[in-house]
Each structure stands twice: as C-alpha cells, then as structure tokens.
Amino acid sequence: MGKTSQSDSKKAKRFMLKILIELAIIIVGWALVVSFFAFYTSIRPKKIIGSVTPESFGYQYQAVSFKTEDGLNLKGWFVPSKTSPAGTIIVLHGYPAEKGDVLTWALFLHDRYNLLFFDFRYFGESEGSYTTIGWKEQKDLQAAVSYLKTRSDVDPQKIGVMGFSLGGAVAIMGAGNIPEVKAVVADSPYATLDDLADMLFRRFSILKKPLIWSAKQWSKLFLKFDFSQVSPLAAARNSATPLLLIHGDQDRQIPLEQSKKIFEAAKGPVELWQVNGADHGGAYFQNKEIYESKVLGFFEKYL
C-alpha cells in the first residue's frame, strides 16, 4: 500500500510538472506573438498623406527634398521669410502623422523665421520602410540641418527646432549632437521609449515585463538597436542646448511627468510650461496668444 501511494505521488508530481511546463510554453509563445504584433504595428502604422500645404493658409513655399546619411529621400516644404538671410525653425511632426499635421501649430513663426517642415522617414511623402520612433529619426534631423546649410537665404548661426510629441523627443535627442541647433521647443515629448513601452503594455499587469522584454528582442533582431537607447531624458542630461518644454497636465497619451523628468535632468538652460487643462496636442489651442508669445520669446532669446 505504501509503495502504491509513493508511486501515485510521483505520477502526480510529474503530471503537475508537465502542466507547468506546457503553461510556461503557452505564456512565452503568447508573449512573443503579442509583443511582435505590438512591435510591428508600432514601426509600421498606417501612413497618412495630407492634402493641406502652406499655400492652403496663404503662404508661398518651395517643395524640397534631401537625403539622409543612410540614403533615404525625405520630402519637405521650405517657407521663406520676408528677409534674407534669416533664422530658420525646423518643425517636426508627431506620431503617426506627417508634416501637414503641424502647419496650423507652427505657421505663426513665419513672421520672423524661415520654416522647414518635412516628413520623417516612412511617414508622409518620405521614403523608408518603417519608423524607429526616435532612433534613426535623429539622422533625419541631421539631414534637414545639412540641407539648410546649403541655402543662401538661411543664416546657419540661427537654426532652431520645434517638435511635437515624437518630434519633440527627436529634437531633444538630436540637438546634443548637432551643434548648429541653437534652441529647442519640445511640446509633449516622451522621456524614454522604455516609458512608452511601459504605458503600452500596462494593461497586461504581471505579464507587462515579459511583453516589454520580448518587444526589445524584436527591436534588436530587426532594427539592430535596443529601444532603451532612445532617451530624450539621457540626451538632456548631456546637452547644453537651451530647451523649452511645453506639456498639458491632462495629457492622456504622454503624461506631464515625462516632461518633468526631462526638466529635472536637463543640463542646459531649460524652462517647463505646464498648460493646465490641455490634452495631448491641445496646449497651443488652449491659448494661442500666450503660446505664440512664449515660443517667439524663447527663440528670440537664443537665436
């Protein structure tokens, strides 16, 4: 009777072990599938090509294009100032959007500056098979600066960048490595891509960490970088470029705390304007006069 009992106990343990192994395989497989789907749809979101141009708002412009160091052709619009040579503001759009999406947000700068709008790689009219949500987009910003330096109507000592959301994050990261950029305005940027992944997977509770880990492996495998490297927060710690952060306290996509992290870490001159009641992309439309005054005052101070 004793031997039978021990045998049954061993069988039960083996059965439970088998169940646990199968369950672990199922969970790992599920995490890999879900994380791959999230990864793939993140780097290849639906493309948007808008119909509005600066001319839609009564501004003359030139359609321009320039190449990145890794060979992609980027499309943009150059809106010349009334004076030449003039300071120039590069305007960077968010995710997933295109250059036309930030026209109404930035055209007020034209009274004093040239404006360069362009589509990041993959987005809008630009070339590219995927977005890297900030990593290789720094090359796009570098290409835009290099293009501006070829123009006689641009003062190369007076180049600033104004970016929204993804564009703000790219502006912060790129500025530290591009000496021609003298000032940055970042509206609603994220602090790290790790933080964005955490927000994306937070609804999965205890499975969040395995999903984030899996997504990182897909990034390393297909894009050849760890998205932990994408960090405006780290860039701000090492950059002396003047920075104006703008963020709504009701932002449901990228919380205000993201800009607060960057503000606290920034090495150079930095300001944080918290816009009460504004959601993601709503700060400008909350009070256009104050917004325009703050941004123009900032660029006038540093350009």
Protein backbone atom coordinates (compact mmCIF):
# COMPACT_ATOMS: atom_id res chain seq x y z
CA MET A 1 0.00 0.00 0.00
CA GLY A 2 2.87 2.37 0.84
CA LYS A 3 4.65 1.70 -2.43
CA THR A 4 1.47 2.36 -4.41
CA SER A 5 0.96 5.65 -2.58
CA GLN A 6 4.55 6.77 -3.35
CA SER A 7 4.13 5.79 -6.99
CA ASP A 8 0.89 7.75 -7.27
CA SER A 9 2.58 10.76 -5.66
CA LYS A 10 5.45 10.65 -8.18
CA LYS A 11 2.98 10.39 -11.05
CA ALA A 12 1.05 13.39 -9.71
CA LYS A 13 4.25 15.43 -9.42
CA ARG A 14 5.31 14.52 -12.96
CA PHE A 15 1.85 15.42 -14.22
CA MET A 16 1.93 18.80 -12.44
CA LEU A 17 5.43 19.48 -13.77
CA LYS A 18 4.25 18.68 -17.28
CA ILE A 19 1.28 21.04 -16.86
CA LEU A 20 3.55 23.83 -15.58
CA ILE A 21 6.00 23.39 -18.47
CA GLU A 22 3.17 23.43 -21.01
CA LEU A 23 1.69 26.50 -19.34
CA ALA A 24 5.07 28.26 -19.42
CA ILE A 25 5.46 27.44 -23.12
CA ILE A 26 1.99 28.81 -23.81
CA ILE A 27 2.70 32.02 -21.89
CA VAL A 28 6.06 32.55 -23.60
CA GLY A 29 4.54 31.85 -27.01
CA TRP A 30 1.65 34.22 -26.29
CA ALA A 31 4.04 36.94 -25.12
CA LEU A 32 6.15 36.58 -28.27
CA VAL A 33 3.11 36.78 -30.55
CA VAL A 34 1.51 39.73 -28.75
CA SER A 35 4.78 41.63 -28.44
CA PHE A 36 5.62 41.04 -32.11
CA PHE A 37 2.21 42.33 -33.17
CA ALA A 38 2.66 45.43 -30.99
CA PHE A 39 6.21 45.92 -32.29
CA TYR A 40 5.26 45.50 -35.95
CA THR A 41 2.22 47.78 -35.81
CA SER A 42 4.30 50.38 -33.94
CA ILE A 43 7.03 50.58 -36.58
CA ARG A 44 4.60 50.36 -39.49
CA PRO A 45 1.48 52.31 -38.51
CA LYS A 46 -0.98 53.40 -41.17
CA LYS A 47 0.61 56.08 -43.36
CA ILE A 48 -1.05 59.46 -43.67
CA ILE A 49 -0.54 61.81 -46.60
CA GLY A 50 -2.47 65.02 -46.06
CA SER A 51 -3.84 67.39 -48.67
CA VAL A 52 -3.08 70.71 -46.96
CA THR A 53 0.05 72.70 -47.77
CA PRO A 54 1.33 76.09 -46.58
CA GLU A 55 -0.46 77.54 -49.62
CA SER A 56 -3.74 76.39 -48.06
CA PHE A 57 -3.13 79.10 -45.45
CA GLY A 58 -1.89 81.73 -47.89
CA TYR A 59 1.87 81.09 -47.56
CA GLN A 60 4.22 80.70 -50.50
CA TYR A 61 6.52 77.69 -50.19
CA GLN A 62 9.03 75.54 -52.03
CA ALA A 63 8.75 71.75 -52.20
CA VAL A 64 12.16 70.41 -51.21
CA SER A 65 13.88 67.07 -50.71
CA PHE A 66 17.12 65.93 -49.13
CA LYS A 67 18.85 62.65 -48.35
CA THR A 68 19.78 61.12 -45.02
CA GLU A 69 23.22 59.63 -44.45
CA ASP A 70 21.67 56.16 -44.78
CA GLY A 71 20.28 57.02 -48.22
CA LEU A 72 16.60 57.86 -47.69
CA ASN A 73 14.98 60.71 -49.58
CA LEU A 74 12.92 62.96 -47.29
CA LYS A 75 10.27 65.36 -48.59
CA GLY A 76 9.52 68.75 -47.13
CA TRP A 77 8.36 72.34 -47.52
CA PHE A 78 10.53 75.41 -47.14
CA VAL A 79 8.57 78.56 -46.28
CA PRO A 80 10.93 81.52 -46.82
CA SER A 81 10.95 84.50 -44.51
CA LYS A 82 10.43 88.05 -45.79
CA THR A 83 14.07 88.84 -45.03
CA SER A 84 17.21 87.06 -46.21
CA PRO A 85 19.33 85.53 -44.82
CA ALA A 86 17.15 84.74 -41.83
CA GLY A 87 16.99 82.44 -38.85
CA THR A 88 15.21 79.16 -39.53
CA ILE A 89 12.98 76.90 -37.45
CA ILE A 90 12.77 73.22 -38.36
CA VAL A 91 9.30 71.92 -37.46
CA LEU A 92 8.95 68.23 -36.55
CA HIS A 93 5.66 66.34 -36.57
CA GLY A 94 4.36 63.69 -34.19
CA TYR A 95 3.47 60.00 -34.47
CA PRO A 96 1.81 58.72 -36.58
CA ALA A 97 1.41 61.89 -38.63
CA GLU A 98 3.06 63.98 -41.36
CA LYS A 99 4.31 67.50 -42.00
CA GLY A 100 0.90 68.96 -42.79
CA ASP A 101 -0.31 67.99 -39.34
CA VAL A 102 1.80 70.71 -37.67
CA LEU A 103 1.14 73.57 -40.09
CA THR A 104 -1.52 75.35 -38.03
CA TRP A 105 0.61 74.86 -34.92
CA ALA A 106 3.79 76.49 -36.25
CA LEU A 107 3.00 78.94 -39.06
CA PHE A 108 2.93 81.86 -36.62
CA LEU A 109 6.74 81.63 -36.55
CA HIS A 110 6.92 82.70 -40.20
CA ASP A 111 6.70 86.40 -39.36
CA ARG A 112 10.30 86.24 -38.12
CA TYR A 113 11.82 83.00 -39.40
CA ASN A 114 12.17 80.72 -42.38
CA LEU A 115 10.31 77.46 -41.71
CA LEU A 116 11.26 73.95 -42.80
CA PHE A 117 8.61 71.26 -42.48
CA PHE A 118 9.45 67.70 -43.51
CA ASP A 119 8.19 64.14 -43.16
CA PHE A 120 10.22 61.77 -41.01
CA ARG A 121 11.33 58.54 -42.67
CA TYR A 122 8.41 56.23 -43.54
CA PHE A 123 5.82 58.95 -42.86
CA GLY A 124 4.01 61.14 -45.37
CA GLU A 125 5.84 61.51 -48.68
CA SER A 126 9.26 60.46 -47.40
CA GLU A 127 10.99 57.19 -48.17
CA GLY A 128 11.50 54.41 -45.65
CA SER A 129 10.06 51.02 -44.81
CA TYR A 130 9.42 51.69 -41.13
CA THR A 131 9.74 54.23 -38.33
CA THR A 132 12.10 53.73 -35.39
CA ILE A 133 10.07 56.10 -33.15
CA GLY A 134 13.01 58.37 -32.48
CA TRP A 135 16.23 56.43 -33.02
CA LYS A 136 17.05 56.86 -36.72
CA GLU A 137 14.85 59.95 -36.93
CA GLN A 138 17.79 61.82 -35.43
CA LYS A 139 19.52 61.19 -38.78
CA ASP A 140 16.52 62.84 -40.45
CA LEU A 141 17.01 65.96 -38.35
CA GLN A 142 20.72 65.99 -39.17
CA ALA A 143 19.87 65.75 -42.87
CA ALA A 144 17.47 68.70 -42.54
CA VAL A 145 20.18 70.83 -40.90
CA SER A 146 22.70 69.85 -43.57
CA TYR A 147 20.20 70.85 -46.25
CA LEU A 148 19.59 74.26 -44.66
CA LYS A 149 23.31 74.96 -44.66
CA THR A 150 23.31 74.75 -48.46
CA ARG A 151 20.83 77.64 -48.79
CA SER A 152 21.97 81.24 -49.13
CA ASP A 153 18.74 82.55 -47.57
CA VAL A 154 19.43 80.69 -44.28
CA ASP A 155 21.59 82.11 -41.51
CA PRO A 156 23.42 78.94 -40.34
CA GLN A 157 24.10 80.53 -36.95
CA LYS A 158 20.37 80.82 -36.25
CA ILE A 159 18.76 77.39 -36.54
CA GLY A 160 16.16 76.24 -34.02
CA VAL A 161 13.90 73.20 -33.81
CA MET A 162 10.29 72.97 -32.71
CA GLY A 163 8.84 69.48 -32.34
CA PHE A 164 5.58 67.97 -31.20
CA SER A 165 5.38 64.62 -29.36
CA LEU A 166 7.74 62.29 -31.28
CA GLY A 167 9.13 65.39 -32.98
CA GLY A 168 9.86 66.97 -29.62
CA ALA A 169 11.69 63.86 -28.45
CA VAL A 170 13.78 63.77 -31.65
CA ALA A 171 14.57 67.48 -31.30
CA ILE A 172 15.92 66.96 -27.76
CA MET A 173 17.98 63.91 -28.72
CA GLY A 174 19.32 65.39 -31.93
CA ALA A 175 20.22 68.80 -30.54
CA GLY A 176 23.02 67.49 -28.35
CA ASN A 177 24.81 66.03 -31.39
CA ILE A 178 24.06 68.80 -33.90
CA PRO A 179 25.93 71.98 -32.92
CA GLU A 180 24.07 74.07 -35.50
CA VAL A 181 20.86 73.68 -33.46
CA LYS A 182 20.86 76.61 -31.05
CA ALA A 183 17.47 76.18 -29.33
CA VAL A 184 14.72 73.57 -29.00
CA VAL A 185 11.00 73.83 -28.23
CA ALA A 186 9.51 70.42 -27.37
CA ASP A 187 5.74 70.15 -26.95
CA SER A 188 4.58 66.94 -25.22
CA PRO A 189 7.74 64.82 -25.66
CA TYR A 190 8.29 61.42 -24.10
CA ALA A 191 11.23 60.94 -21.71
CA THR A 192 12.25 57.43 -22.77
CA LEU A 193 10.99 54.80 -25.17
CA ASP A 194 11.07 52.42 -22.20
CA ASP A 195 8.41 54.60 -20.57
CA LEU A 196 6.27 54.45 -23.71
CA ALA A 197 6.54 50.65 -23.78
CA ASP A 198 5.55 50.54 -20.13
CA MET A 199 2.45 52.61 -20.92
CA LEU A 200 1.63 50.48 -23.96
CA PHE A 201 1.68 47.19 -22.03
CA ARG A 202 0.48 48.34 -18.60
CA ARG A 203 -2.98 46.81 -19.06
CA PHE A 204 -1.35 43.36 -19.05
CA SER A 205 -0.49 43.63 -15.33
CA ILE A 206 2.00 40.94 -14.24
CA LEU A 207 2.66 39.99 -17.88
CA LYS A 208 3.82 43.52 -18.71
CA LYS A 209 7.53 42.88 -18.07
CA PRO A 210 7.71 39.73 -20.24
CA LEU A 211 5.98 41.62 -23.06
CA ILE A 212 8.38 44.56 -22.82
CA TRP A 213 11.35 42.18 -22.76
CA SER A 214 10.01 40.37 -25.85
CA ALA A 215 9.43 43.63 -27.71
CA LYS A 216 13.04 44.63 -27.00
CA GLN A 217 14.25 41.37 -28.53
CA TRP A 218 12.25 42.04 -31.71
CA SER A 219 13.79 45.52 -31.85
CA LYS A 220 17.31 44.13 -31.51
CA LEU A 221 16.63 41.43 -34.09
CA PHE A 222 15.01 43.52 -36.81
CA LEU A 223 16.16 47.11 -36.15
CA LYS A 224 19.59 46.36 -34.66
CA PHE A 225 19.14 48.57 -31.59
CA ASP A 226 17.74 48.33 -28.09
CA PHE A 227 14.91 50.80 -27.67
CA SER A 228 16.22 51.57 -24.20
CA GLN A 229 18.79 53.65 -26.11
CA VAL A 230 16.03 56.03 -27.26
CA SER A 231 16.05 58.53 -24.41
CA PRO A 232 15.46 62.29 -24.56
CA LEU A 233 16.00 62.13 -20.80
CA ALA A 234 19.59 60.92 -21.22
CA ALA A 235 20.18 63.40 -24.05
CA ALA A 236 19.00 66.32 -21.90
CA ARG A 237 21.48 65.34 -19.19
CA ASN A 238 24.35 65.76 -21.65
CA SER A 239 23.20 68.68 -23.78
CA ALA A 240 23.67 72.39 -23.11
CA THR A 241 21.22 73.39 -25.85
CA PRO A 242 18.52 75.73 -24.46
CA LEU A 243 15.22 73.89 -24.13
CA LEU A 244 11.61 74.98 -23.68
CA LEU A 245 9.27 72.16 -22.64
CA ILE A 246 5.51 72.58 -23.07
CA HIS A 247 3.09 69.98 -21.73
CA GLY A 248 -0.60 69.77 -20.87
CA ASP A 249 -1.47 68.50 -17.41
CA GLN A 250 -4.38 66.48 -18.86
CA ASP A 251 -2.30 64.68 -21.50
CA ARG A 252 -3.67 61.14 -21.70
CA GLN A 253 -1.15 59.84 -24.26
CA ILE A 254 2.14 61.11 -22.85
CA PRO A 255 1.68 62.28 -19.24
CA LEU A 256 3.08 65.57 -17.97
CA GLU A 257 5.50 63.60 -15.77
CA GLN A 258 7.51 62.77 -18.89
CA SER A 259 8.43 66.43 -19.45
CA LYS A 260 9.02 66.90 -15.73
CA LYS A 261 11.63 64.13 -15.83
CA ILE A 262 13.42 65.85 -18.71
CA PHE A 263 13.20 69.23 -16.99
CA GLU A 264 14.77 67.92 -13.80
CA ALA A 265 17.58 66.19 -15.70
CA ALA A 266 18.43 68.94 -18.20
CA LYS A 267 21.99 70.22 -18.16
CA GLY A 268 21.48 73.42 -20.16
CA PRO A 269 19.04 76.33 -19.82
CA VAL A 270 15.58 74.83 -19.51
CA GLU A 271 12.02 76.02 -18.97
CA LEU A 272 8.86 73.98 -18.39
CA TRP A 273 5.50 75.49 -19.16
CA GLN A 274 2.66 73.38 -17.77
CA VAL A 275 -0.58 74.13 -19.60
CA ASN A 276 -3.49 73.41 -17.29
CA GLY A 277 -6.45 71.63 -18.85
CA ALA A 278 -4.66 70.72 -22.09
CA ASP A 279 -4.67 67.19 -23.52
CA HIS A 280 -2.10 65.84 -25.99
CA GLY A 281 -1.70 68.42 -28.75
CA GLY A 282 -4.04 70.88 -27.07
CA ALA A 283 -1.64 73.34 -25.45
CA TYR A 284 -1.42 75.66 -28.47
CA PHE A 285 -5.18 75.77 -28.96
CA GLN A 286 -5.80 76.39 -25.25
CA ASN A 287 -4.48 79.95 -25.58
CA LYS A 288 -2.79 80.77 -28.88
CA GLU A 289 -1.66 84.26 -27.90
CA ILE A 290 0.23 83.13 -24.79
CA TYR A 291 1.66 80.11 -26.62
CA GLU A 292 2.95 82.18 -29.52
CA SER A 293 4.39 84.82 -27.19
CA LYS A 294 6.28 82.26 -25.11
CA VAL A 295 7.69 80.38 -28.09
CA LEU A 296 8.70 83.51 -30.02
CA GLY A 297 10.26 85.00 -26.90
CA PHE A 298 12.27 81.84 -26.33
CA PHE A 299 13.61 81.68 -29.87
CA GLU A 300 14.40 85.41 -29.89
CA LYS A 301 16.42 84.95 -26.71
CA TYR A 302 18.60 82.12 -28.01
CA LEU A 303 18.74 82.55 -31.81
